[in-house]
Protein backbone atom coordinates (compact mmCIF):
# COMPACT_ATOMS: atom_id res chain seq x y z
CA MET A 1 -14.51 1.79 -9.99
CA LYS A 2 -12.47 4.91 -10.10
CA ALA A 3 -10.97 7.15 -7.47
CA SER A 4 -9.04 10.09 -8.87
CA SER A 5 -5.27 10.26 -8.54
CA GLU A 6 -5.71 13.24 -6.26
CA GLN A 7 -8.09 11.29 -4.01
CA VAL A 8 -5.77 8.28 -3.81
CA ARG A 9 -2.77 10.47 -2.96
CA SER A 10 -4.82 12.32 -0.35
CA VAL A 11 -5.86 9.03 1.28
CA VAL A 12 -2.29 7.71 1.36
CA HIS A 13 -0.93 10.94 2.85
CA ALA A 14 -3.69 11.00 5.47
CA VAL A 15 -3.13 7.37 6.50
CA TRP A 16 0.63 7.77 6.93
CA SER A 17 0.17 11.06 8.76
CA THR A 18 -2.60 9.98 11.15
CA GLN A 19 -1.49 6.38 11.74
CA LEU A 20 2.25 7.00 11.95
CA GLY A 21 2.87 10.74 12.24
CA LEU A 22 5.00 10.57 9.08
CA GLU A 23 4.82 12.96 6.15
CA ILE A 24 5.46 11.03 2.95
CA GLN A 25 6.33 12.82 -0.26
CA ASN A 26 4.89 12.34 -3.74
CA ALA A 27 7.40 10.94 -6.22
CA ASP A 28 7.34 11.54 -9.95
CA GLY A 29 7.79 7.89 -10.85
CA PRO A 30 9.54 4.69 -9.89
CA ALA A 31 12.69 4.87 -7.80
CA GLU A 32 15.86 5.15 -9.88
CA ASN A 33 17.23 2.01 -8.25
CA PRO A 34 14.96 -0.99 -7.80
CA ILE A 35 13.87 -1.59 -4.23
CA ALA A 36 16.32 -4.16 -2.87
CA GLU A 37 13.99 -5.93 -0.44
CA THR A 38 10.26 -5.30 -0.48
CA LEU A 39 6.99 -6.22 1.10
CA THR A 40 3.80 -6.01 -0.92
CA ALA A 41 0.27 -6.34 0.44
CA ALA A 42 -2.75 -6.71 -1.83
CA ILE A 43 -6.42 -6.34 -0.97
CA HIS A 44 -9.22 -7.18 -3.40
CA ILE A 45 -12.43 -5.20 -3.75
CA THR A 46 -15.54 -7.16 -4.72
CA GLY A 47 -19.19 -6.28 -5.11
CA ASP A 48 -20.69 -3.74 -7.48
CA ASP A 49 -17.13 -3.04 -8.60
CA ARG A 50 -14.12 -5.32 -8.81
CA GLY A 51 -10.55 -4.26 -8.27
CA GLY A 52 -7.76 -4.09 -5.80
CA ILE A 53 -5.24 -2.03 -3.91
CA ARG A 54 -1.55 -2.95 -3.60
CA LEU A 55 0.97 -1.32 -1.29
CA GLU A 56 4.63 -2.00 -2.02
CA CYS A 57 7.25 -0.69 0.40
CA SER A 58 10.93 -1.15 1.01
CA ARG A 59 11.65 -3.28 4.05
CA PRO A 60 13.34 -0.36 5.87
CA LEU A 61 10.20 1.72 5.41
CA VAL A 62 7.98 -1.10 6.71
CA ARG A 63 10.28 -1.58 9.71
CA ARG A 64 10.13 2.14 10.49
CA ALA A 65 6.32 2.06 10.34
CA ALA A 66 6.19 -1.10 12.48
CA ALA A 67 8.45 0.40 15.14
CA ILE A 68 6.12 3.38 15.39
CA MET A 69 2.91 1.31 15.42
CA PHE A 70 4.18 -1.14 18.04
CA SER A 71 6.24 1.41 20.00
CA VAL A 72 9.32 -0.80 19.99
CA PRO A 73 12.85 -0.37 18.65
CA GLU A 74 13.33 -1.65 15.10
CA ASN A 75 15.81 -4.31 16.28
CA GLU A 76 13.04 -5.94 18.36
CA LEU A 77 10.63 -6.34 15.44
CA THR A 78 9.83 -9.75 13.98
CA PRO A 79 8.98 -10.59 10.37
CA GLU A 80 5.40 -11.17 11.59
CA ASP A 81 5.31 -7.58 12.92
CA GLU A 82 6.37 -6.33 9.49
CA ARG A 83 3.66 -8.37 7.74
CA ASP A 84 1.04 -7.19 10.24
CA VAL A 85 1.91 -3.54 9.64
CA ILE A 86 1.96 -3.62 5.85
CA GLY A 87 -1.31 -5.56 5.91
CA GLU A 88 -2.91 -3.05 8.28
CA LEU A 89 -1.71 -0.01 6.32
CA THR A 90 -3.01 -1.55 3.10
CA ASN A 91 -6.34 -2.35 4.75
CA VAL A 92 -6.77 1.24 5.99
CA ILE A 93 -5.79 2.69 2.60
CA ALA A 94 -8.11 0.27 0.76
CA GLY A 95 -10.98 0.99 3.15
CA ASN A 96 -10.66 4.72 2.57
CA ILE A 97 -10.49 4.27 -1.20
CA LYS A 98 -13.47 1.88 -1.12
CA ALA A 99 -15.48 4.62 0.62
CA LEU A 100 -14.93 6.80 -2.49
CA ILE A 101 -16.44 4.17 -4.81
CA PRO A 102 -20.22 4.17 -5.21
CA GLY A 103 -22.19 0.99 -4.58
CA GLU A 104 -21.90 -1.97 -2.25
CA ASN A 105 -18.36 -3.31 -2.09
CA SER A 106 -16.32 -5.46 0.27
CA LEU A 107 -12.63 -5.86 1.01
CA SER A 108 -10.70 -9.12 1.21
CA LEU A 109 -8.11 -9.87 3.82
CA PRO A 110 -4.63 -8.78 2.76
CA THR A 111 -2.29 -11.11 0.91
CA ILE A 112 1.37 -10.37 1.62
CA VAL A 113 4.41 -11.12 -0.51
CA GLU A 114 7.98 -10.38 0.50
CA GLY A 115 11.38 -10.83 -1.04
CA THR A 116 13.96 -9.42 -3.39
CA ASP A 117 13.03 -10.57 -6.87
CA TYR A 118 9.33 -11.04 -7.55
CA GLN A 119 6.54 -9.60 -9.63
CA VAL A 120 2.89 -9.26 -8.63
CA SER A 121 0.43 -9.53 -11.49
CA THR A 122 -3.34 -9.50 -11.71
CA THR A 123 -5.60 -10.98 -14.37
CA ASP A 124 -8.63 -9.33 -15.99
CA VAL A 125 -7.22 -5.83 -15.58
CA LYS A 126 -9.28 -3.04 -17.13
CA ASP A 127 -7.18 -0.20 -15.71
CA SER A 128 -4.23 0.10 -13.33
CA GLU A 129 -2.53 3.17 -11.92
CA ASP A 130 0.64 3.38 -9.83
CA HIS A 131 1.05 6.19 -7.29
CA HIS A 132 4.68 6.69 -6.22
CA PHE A 133 5.79 8.10 -2.88
CA SER A 134 8.94 8.26 -0.77
CA LEU A 135 10.02 8.95 2.77
CA ASP A 136 13.63 9.87 3.43
CA GLY A 137 14.64 8.18 0.17
CA GLU A 138 12.71 4.96 0.86
CA PRO A 139 10.25 4.25 -1.97
CA MET A 140 6.63 3.21 -1.75
CA VAL A 141 4.05 2.47 -4.46
CA VAL A 142 0.27 2.27 -4.15
CA THR A 143 -1.37 0.59 -7.12
CA VAL A 144 -5.10 0.86 -7.77
CA VAL A 145 -6.42 -1.84 -10.10
CA GLU A 146 -9.82 -1.99 -11.79
CA HIS A 147 -10.95 -5.38 -13.10
CA THR A 148 -13.14 -6.03 -16.13
């Protein structure tokens, strides 16, 4: 299972542009300051290949995306709205990346974690690559994981 870095970045840019009308920027690496409050969604890929896609965003970035998707002011959003949006964005990104992988593969439903001090880890990792982005200073990371 391998999509090139260029393909992954292209998918992420296209999803944010078409779904939200937002132009995210590539970042050279992790944000200088840790993300204070984050939401992470993970989707597993199973079938001929095994792996996963994780999307980690700052809460302000998720709230901005949710306000656009639901056409409501940010102050009217609920935590459930935020979880729905990060899950949906991850699902669309994962679906587009899955289409780049040969063979028969399926996606799981998203698992969502939120908070201020947590770490997401995966077992049986053969390869993992982080792709860093930002929008108006708000960081975002898409991680593509290949399992053994």
